[in-house]
Amino acid sequence: MKYIKASILMTAVLFALTAVAQTPAAGETDAGAVLETPEADASNTLCGCDSRQPSGPIDPVRSIACTMVVDTLSTSNEAVKVVLFNDNTWCYVRNRDTVQDSTVYKAYWNTNTTSPYYSVPLNSLPSSVVISLVDELKHYHYPYKGRISSHYGVRHKRSHTGVDLPLSVGDSIYAVFDGCVRFSQFNNSGYGNLVIIRHDNGLETYMAHLSERFVEAGEWVTAGQVIGLGGCTGRSTGPHLHFETRYYGQSFDPERIIDFSTGKLRRETFLLKRSYFDIYSKYDQNFDDETANEQEDKRKAAETAAASSARYYVVRKGDTLTGIAKRNGTTVSRLCQLNGIKSSSILSIGKRLRVR
């Protein structure tokens, strides 16, 4: 019987080797794809912006837990390999030597802090960016599947920057996408045992309150790999997984990309807006609120631009509003409007008047 199974497996692998030859090589993108980044020194952070319409939900790949790797086979695509397991199954994996993006895994890389992006201001990030959550291999797995006991948002007058999923101590916690472990330590700020993984798509995922950690900083992981066990370490009132998604250190609601009730990835590509980094911006909020947030962002941007271009004049002895207006190419009514005064107001020497 084992020989029959082996024969079936090898047939499947041969089919896989043929199919994978059609997979685009590392660095290839669809025609018309545009690479968009938040700043010049991180030009390769994203997998790329895709003009295609978002696909439907993505099912999780198989879990990599109680199996052993038997062999690894090369394919005609140097960026992809086939891994054979001892349970007569196989899967595709990325060849890290070929596809590693040095910018993603070197820029702001720090294995001893949870927040290496402190020098990146929020206003330096793009107003929106399209992120390819998965590539052709569809490497995705839920961190843990179940109901959410506490959502992203404000909780007890404090920011809750992730979601909480109740579990039993010892339940498996999985890597969501392929990537490299950036942080794996006990955190004294409340996270407890914490694993942070930086992914090929530029996102980072946080998995906190673990009872055990199975990976160390600098270790490459694959979607579906068990990276630790659920627990209640740190500031926790009971066993649960605290899970966060972040982009350049800024958190956003994980429910925007993952349906935790089904375990499915909601879409293949994700339009990440800067407004999503607001702690009040939730996945299930009303679209009118989204529009209001965007309008508020535009209003603040307009005010900032106006303030940066403002010009002032210091009142001197003998000055009048008419004289000041003429010298600065404006009108008395505009001066009154900008400074909240009347045309009959007495000007004090040394007073600063806004003229533009």
Protein backbone atom coordinates (compact mmCIF):
# COMPACT_ATOMS: atom_id res chain seq x y z
CA MET A 1 0.00 0.00 0.00
CA LYS A 2 2.84 2.42 0.84
CA TYR A 3 4.26 1.92 -2.66
CA ILE A 4 0.88 2.83 -4.21
CA LYS A 5 0.77 5.98 -2.07
CA ALA A 6 4.30 6.88 -3.06
CA SER A 7 3.44 6.40 -6.72
CA ILE A 8 0.40 8.64 -6.42
CA LEU A 9 2.47 11.25 -4.61
CA MET A 10 5.21 11.27 -7.22
CA THR A 11 2.60 11.59 -9.98
CA ALA A 12 1.18 14.62 -8.19
CA VAL A 13 4.66 16.06 -7.76
CA LEU A 14 5.46 15.64 -11.44
CA PHE A 15 2.25 17.49 -12.26
CA ALA A 16 3.29 20.20 -9.79
CA LEU A 17 6.71 20.53 -11.34
CA THR A 18 5.10 21.03 -14.73
CA ALA A 19 2.58 23.55 -13.42
CA VAL A 20 5.08 25.56 -11.43
CA ALA A 21 7.08 26.19 -14.57
CA GLN A 22 4.31 28.57 -15.51
CA THR A 23 4.70 30.52 -12.24
CA PRO A 24 6.29 33.96 -12.83
CA ALA A 25 9.87 34.14 -11.70
CA ALA A 26 10.93 36.30 -8.79
CA GLY A 27 10.57 39.98 -9.57
CA GLU A 28 8.05 39.49 -12.38
CA THR A 29 4.80 41.43 -12.14
CA ASP A 30 1.67 41.80 -14.17
CA ALA A 31 1.79 44.26 -17.05
CA GLY A 32 0.88 47.71 -15.86
CA ALA A 33 1.65 46.97 -12.19
CA VAL A 34 2.80 50.05 -10.28
CA LEU A 35 5.12 50.00 -7.29
CA GLU A 36 4.09 52.52 -4.65
CA THR A 37 6.02 53.17 -1.47
CA PRO A 38 5.89 55.49 1.54
CA GLU A 39 9.39 56.81 1.23
CA ALA A 40 12.36 56.71 -1.11
CA ASP A 41 14.63 54.50 1.01
CA ALA A 42 12.02 51.73 1.18
CA SER A 43 11.20 51.50 -2.50
CA ASN A 44 10.85 47.72 -2.49
CA THR A 45 8.79 47.27 0.65
CA LEU A 46 5.61 46.17 -1.09
CA CYS A 47 4.99 43.18 -3.27
CA GLY A 48 3.57 45.70 -5.74
CA CYS A 49 0.33 47.38 -6.59
CA ASP A 50 -2.03 45.35 -8.70
CA SER A 51 -4.55 46.84 -11.08
CA ARG A 52 -6.60 43.66 -11.08
CA GLN A 53 -9.95 43.53 -9.30
CA PRO A 54 -9.66 41.91 -5.82
CA SER A 55 -10.41 38.20 -5.87
CA GLY A 56 -12.80 36.39 -3.55
CA PRO A 57 -11.85 34.93 -0.15
CA ILE A 58 -8.63 32.89 -0.01
CA ASP A 59 -8.72 29.52 1.80
CA PRO A 60 -5.87 28.81 4.25
CA VAL A 61 -3.06 26.49 3.18
CA ARG A 62 -2.43 23.26 5.06
CA SER A 63 -1.00 23.53 8.57
CA ILE A 64 2.62 22.56 9.04
CA ALA A 65 2.65 20.96 12.46
CA CYS A 66 3.14 17.25 13.13
CA THR A 67 4.84 16.43 9.82
CA MET A 68 8.48 16.02 8.87
CA VAL A 69 10.16 17.13 5.67
CA VAL A 70 11.34 14.12 3.68
CA ASP A 71 12.87 15.88 0.69
CA THR A 72 13.00 19.18 -1.20
CA LEU A 73 12.86 19.19 -4.99
CA SER A 74 13.94 21.92 -7.36
CA THR A 75 11.67 23.07 -10.15
CA SER A 76 12.17 24.80 -13.48
CA ASN A 77 11.35 28.04 -11.66
CA GLU A 78 14.34 28.79 -9.41
CA ALA A 79 12.14 30.86 -7.11
CA VAL A 80 9.91 27.90 -6.19
CA LYS A 81 10.63 24.49 -4.68
CA VAL A 82 8.48 21.47 -3.80
CA VAL A 83 8.67 20.08 -0.24
CA LEU A 84 7.70 16.44 0.40
CA PHE A 85 6.36 15.47 3.85
CA ASN A 86 6.31 12.13 5.65
CA ASP A 87 2.50 11.93 5.47
CA ASN A 88 2.56 11.58 1.66
CA THR A 89 1.70 15.25 1.06
CA TRP A 90 3.62 18.09 -0.54
CA CYS A 91 3.50 21.84 -0.96
CA TYR A 92 5.21 24.68 -2.81
CA VAL A 93 7.66 26.90 -0.93
CA ARG A 94 9.59 29.99 -1.94
CA ASN A 95 13.34 29.75 -2.43
CA ARG A 96 14.46 32.45 0.00
CA ASP A 97 17.86 32.89 -1.64
CA THR A 98 16.04 33.94 -4.80
CA VAL A 99 13.06 35.98 -3.65
CA GLN A 100 14.28 37.73 -0.52
CA ASP A 101 13.67 41.49 -0.76
CA SER A 102 16.59 43.10 1.05
CA THR A 103 14.63 46.29 1.71
CA VAL A 104 11.75 44.57 3.47
CA TYR A 105 14.03 42.58 5.75
CA LYS A 106 16.75 45.16 6.41
CA ALA A 107 15.08 48.58 6.60
CA TYR A 108 14.09 49.37 10.19
CA TRP A 109 15.08 45.85 11.23
CA ASN A 110 15.49 45.54 15.01
CA THR A 111 15.09 42.28 16.91
CA ASN A 112 15.06 43.84 20.37
CA THR A 113 12.17 46.31 20.17
CA THR A 114 8.53 46.01 19.21
CA SER A 115 8.53 49.42 17.49
CA PRO A 116 11.50 50.04 15.15
CA TYR A 117 9.51 52.54 13.06
CA TYR A 118 9.55 55.38 15.61
CA SER A 119 11.39 57.63 13.14
CA VAL A 120 8.71 57.22 10.43
CA PRO A 121 5.98 59.87 10.92
CA LEU A 122 2.44 58.97 10.00
CA ASN A 123 2.14 61.83 7.51
CA SER A 124 5.08 60.41 5.51
CA LEU A 125 3.03 57.35 4.58
CA PRO A 126 0.94 57.41 1.38
CA SER A 127 -2.75 58.32 1.70
CA SER A 128 -3.48 54.86 0.26
CA VAL A 129 -1.50 51.93 -1.04
CA VAL A 130 -2.49 48.65 -2.68
CA ILE A 131 -0.85 45.64 -1.02
CA SER A 132 -0.69 42.19 -2.61
CA LEU A 133 -1.41 40.07 0.46
CA VAL A 134 -0.53 36.83 -1.33
CA ASP A 135 1.24 35.94 -4.56
CA GLU A 136 0.58 33.13 -7.04
CA LEU A 137 1.25 30.47 -4.38
CA LYS A 138 -1.58 31.83 -2.19
CA HIS A 139 0.47 31.28 0.98
CA TYR A 140 -1.90 32.27 3.79
CA HIS A 141 -3.13 30.68 7.02
CA TYR A 142 -5.23 32.06 9.86
CA PRO A 143 -3.32 32.70 13.13
CA TYR A 144 -6.20 31.11 15.05
CA LYS A 145 -9.79 30.53 14.00
CA GLY A 146 -12.73 31.36 16.25
CA ARG A 147 -14.93 34.08 17.67
CA ILE A 148 -13.57 37.49 18.62
CA SER A 149 -14.08 38.50 22.24
CA SER A 150 -12.62 41.99 21.88
CA HIS A 151 -12.43 43.94 18.64
CA TYR A 152 -10.03 46.63 17.39
CA GLY A 153 -10.83 50.07 18.79
CA VAL A 154 -11.11 51.86 22.12
CA ARG A 155 -11.57 49.62 25.16
CA HIS A 156 -11.88 50.96 28.71
CA LYS A 157 -10.67 54.37 27.45
CA ARG A 158 -7.50 52.77 26.07
CA SER A 159 -6.52 51.91 22.51
CA HIS A 160 -6.91 48.21 21.74
CA THR A 161 -4.76 47.85 18.63
CA GLY A 162 -5.72 44.29 17.69
CA VAL A 163 -8.31 41.57 18.17
CA ASP A 164 -8.60 38.99 20.96
CA LEU A 165 -9.52 35.38 20.20
CA PRO A 166 -10.33 33.12 23.21
CA LEU A 167 -8.59 29.74 23.18
CA SER A 168 -7.30 26.96 25.41
CA VAL A 169 -3.75 27.05 26.72
CA GLY A 170 -1.66 24.98 24.33
CA ASP A 171 -3.70 25.61 21.17
CA SER A 172 -1.53 26.01 18.04
CA ILE A 173 -0.83 29.50 16.70
CA TYR A 174 0.13 29.79 13.03
CA ALA A 175 2.19 32.12 10.83
CA VAL A 176 -0.25 34.08 8.64
CA PHE A 177 2.01 34.69 5.63
CA ASP A 178 5.55 33.71 4.65
CA GLY A 179 8.17 35.90 6.28
CA CYS A 180 10.94 36.30 8.81
CA VAL A 181 10.63 36.51 12.61
CA ARG A 182 11.69 40.00 13.70
CA PHE A 183 10.94 39.72 17.42
CA SER A 184 10.51 36.70 19.72
CA GLN A 185 10.78 37.57 23.39
CA PHE A 186 8.82 38.03 26.58
CA ASN A 187 7.51 41.60 26.54
CA ASN A 188 7.03 43.43 29.84
CA SER A 189 4.64 46.04 28.40
CA GLY A 190 1.66 43.69 28.49
CA TYR A 191 2.11 41.45 25.46
CA GLY A 192 3.75 38.64 27.46
CA ASN A 193 5.33 36.06 25.16
CA LEU A 194 5.27 37.86 21.82
CA VAL A 195 6.22 36.85 18.28
CA ILE A 196 6.37 39.50 15.53
CA ILE A 197 6.76 38.35 11.93
CA ARG A 198 7.60 40.65 9.05
CA HIS A 199 6.14 39.39 5.78
CA ASP A 200 7.00 39.59 2.10
CA ASN A 201 4.02 41.92 1.56
CA GLY A 202 5.49 44.55 3.92
CA LEU A 203 3.06 43.93 6.80
CA GLU A 204 3.98 42.80 10.30
CA THR A 205 1.79 40.52 12.42
CA TYR A 206 1.89 40.39 16.22
CA MET A 207 0.90 37.28 18.20
CA ALA A 208 0.82 37.87 21.95
CA HIS A 209 0.13 36.17 25.31
CA LEU A 210 1.67 32.89 24.06
CA SER A 211 2.48 30.12 26.53
CA GLU A 212 5.37 28.95 24.36
CA ARG A 213 7.36 30.36 21.45
CA PHE A 214 8.74 27.92 18.86
CA VAL A 215 10.64 30.40 16.66
CA GLU A 216 13.49 32.85 17.17
CA ALA A 217 14.33 36.22 15.63
CA GLY A 218 15.89 35.86 12.19
CA GLU A 219 14.16 32.56 11.47
CA TRP A 220 12.25 32.16 8.19
CA VAL A 221 8.70 30.86 8.53
CA THR A 222 6.04 29.67 6.10
CA ALA A 223 2.30 30.36 6.23
CA GLY A 224 0.66 27.59 8.26
CA GLN A 225 3.75 26.90 10.36
CA VAL A 226 3.11 26.62 14.10
CA ILE A 227 5.10 29.45 15.70
CA GLY A 228 3.90 28.95 19.28
CA LEU A 229 1.11 27.90 21.61
CA GLY A 230 -1.75 29.99 22.97
CA GLY A 231 -1.65 31.11 26.58
CA CYS A 232 -2.33 33.98 28.98
CA THR A 233 1.10 35.49 29.67
CA GLY A 234 1.52 39.24 30.17
CA ARG A 235 -1.45 41.49 30.90
CA SER A 236 -4.21 38.97 30.23
CA THR A 237 -7.41 38.12 32.10
CA GLY A 238 -7.66 34.67 30.52
CA PRO A 239 -6.26 32.45 27.75
CA HIS A 240 -6.54 34.19 24.39
CA LEU A 241 -4.56 35.25 21.35
CA HIS A 242 -4.03 38.97 20.91
CA PHE A 243 -3.40 39.48 17.19
CA GLU A 244 -2.32 42.68 15.44
CA THR A 245 -1.61 43.75 11.86
CA ARG A 246 0.72 46.70 11.29
CA TYR A 247 2.23 48.64 8.39
CA TYR A 248 5.33 50.73 9.14
CA GLY A 249 4.45 50.39 12.82
CA GLN A 250 0.90 51.71 12.37
CA SER A 251 -1.86 49.32 13.45
CA PHE A 252 -5.11 48.74 11.58
CA ASP A 253 -8.10 46.47 12.16
CA PRO A 254 -7.07 42.85 11.33
CA GLU A 255 -10.68 42.10 10.40
CA ARG A 256 -10.13 44.17 7.27
CA ILE A 257 -8.10 41.29 5.82
CA ILE A 258 -9.11 38.16 7.80
CA ASP A 259 -12.52 36.63 8.53
CA PHE A 260 -11.69 34.95 11.84
CA SER A 261 -14.98 33.03 11.97
CA THR A 262 -14.18 31.11 8.77
CA GLY A 263 -10.40 31.45 8.82
CA LYS A 264 -10.36 32.81 5.27
CA LEU A 265 -8.38 35.74 3.88
CA ARG A 266 -10.99 38.23 2.67
CA ARG A 267 -9.17 39.16 -0.55
CA GLU A 268 -5.97 38.72 -2.51
CA THR A 269 -5.14 42.44 -2.71
CA PHE A 270 -5.90 45.05 -0.08
CA LEU A 271 -6.32 48.82 -0.42
CA LEU A 272 -4.77 50.15 2.78
CA LYS A 273 -5.77 53.75 3.53
CA ARG A 274 -3.91 55.99 5.94
CA SER A 275 -7.24 56.75 7.62
CA TYR A 276 -7.39 53.08 8.70
CA PHE A 277 -4.60 53.76 11.20
CA ASP A 278 -7.08 55.76 13.29
CA ILE A 279 -8.07 53.69 16.33
CA TYR A 280 -11.72 54.58 15.60
CA SER A 281 -11.54 53.20 12.05
CA LYS A 282 -13.05 49.71 12.17
CA TYR A 283 -13.81 47.12 9.52
CA ASP A 284 -17.55 47.07 10.26
CA GLN A 285 -18.05 50.82 10.58
CA ASN A 286 -20.48 52.77 8.42
CA PHE A 287 -19.16 53.91 5.03
CA ASP A 288 -20.45 57.38 5.81
CA ASP A 289 -17.92 57.46 8.63
CA GLU A 290 -15.18 56.49 6.18
CA THR A 291 -16.17 59.39 3.93
CA ALA A 292 -16.27 61.75 6.89
CA ASN A 293 -12.77 60.63 7.92
CA GLU A 294 -11.43 61.25 4.43
CA GLN A 295 -13.01 64.71 4.32
CA GLU A 296 -11.50 65.50 7.71
CA ASP A 297 -8.08 64.38 6.44
CA LYS A 298 -8.43 66.71 3.44
CA ARG A 299 -9.51 69.62 5.66
CA LYS A 300 -6.51 69.14 7.97
CA ALA A 301 -4.19 68.88 4.98
CA ALA A 302 -5.60 72.13 3.55
CA GLU A 303 -5.14 73.89 6.90
CA THR A 304 -1.56 72.64 7.15
CA ALA A 305 -0.80 73.85 3.64
CA ALA A 306 -2.34 77.23 4.35
CA ALA A 307 -0.40 77.59 7.60
CA SER A 308 2.89 76.76 5.89
CA SER A 309 2.33 79.50 3.30
CA ALA A 310 1.11 82.15 5.77
CA ARG A 311 2.89 85.56 5.88
CA TYR A 312 2.91 88.03 8.76
CA TYR A 313 3.64 91.73 9.23
CA VAL A 314 4.69 93.44 12.47
CA VAL A 315 2.88 96.76 13.04
CA ARG A 316 5.14 99.80 13.29
CA LYS A 317 4.55 103.38 14.39
CA GLY A 318 2.31 105.26 11.95
CA ASP A 319 0.96 102.13 10.24
CA THR A 320 -2.68 101.93 9.13
CA LEU A 321 -4.66 98.99 7.80
CA THR A 322 -4.93 100.70 4.41
CA GLY A 323 -1.18 101.23 4.21
CA ILE A 324 -0.39 97.68 5.35
CA ALA A 325 -2.88 96.25 2.81
CA LYS A 326 -1.30 98.22 -0.07
CA ARG A 327 2.25 97.24 0.85
CA ASN A 328 1.34 93.55 0.96
CA GLY A 329 -0.91 93.39 -2.09
CA THR A 330 -4.13 92.64 -0.25
CA THR A 331 -7.25 94.44 1.00
CA VAL A 332 -8.38 95.82 4.33
CA SER A 333 -11.36 93.44 4.40
CA ARG A 334 -9.04 90.44 3.86
CA LEU A 335 -6.75 91.64 6.67
CA CYS A 336 -9.75 91.90 8.97
CA GLN A 337 -10.91 88.41 7.97
CA LEU A 338 -7.49 86.80 8.55
CA ASN A 339 -6.94 88.46 11.92
CA GLY A 340 -10.45 88.65 13.34
CA ILE A 341 -10.46 92.43 13.63
CA LYS A 342 -12.54 95.34 12.35
CA SER A 343 -11.50 98.14 9.97
CA SER A 344 -11.91 100.56 12.88
CA SER A 345 -9.68 98.53 15.23
CA ILE A 346 -6.71 100.36 16.78
CA LEU A 347 -3.40 98.79 15.81
CA SER A 348 -0.86 98.26 18.58
CA ILE A 349 2.80 98.71 17.74
CA GLY A 350 4.52 95.29 17.64
CA LYS A 351 1.31 93.40 16.89
CA ARG A 352 1.69 90.57 14.33
CA LEU A 353 -0.86 90.70 11.54
CA ARG A 354 -1.35 87.88 9.09
CA VAL A 355 -1.30 89.32 5.57
CA ARG A 356 -1.47 86.07 3.53
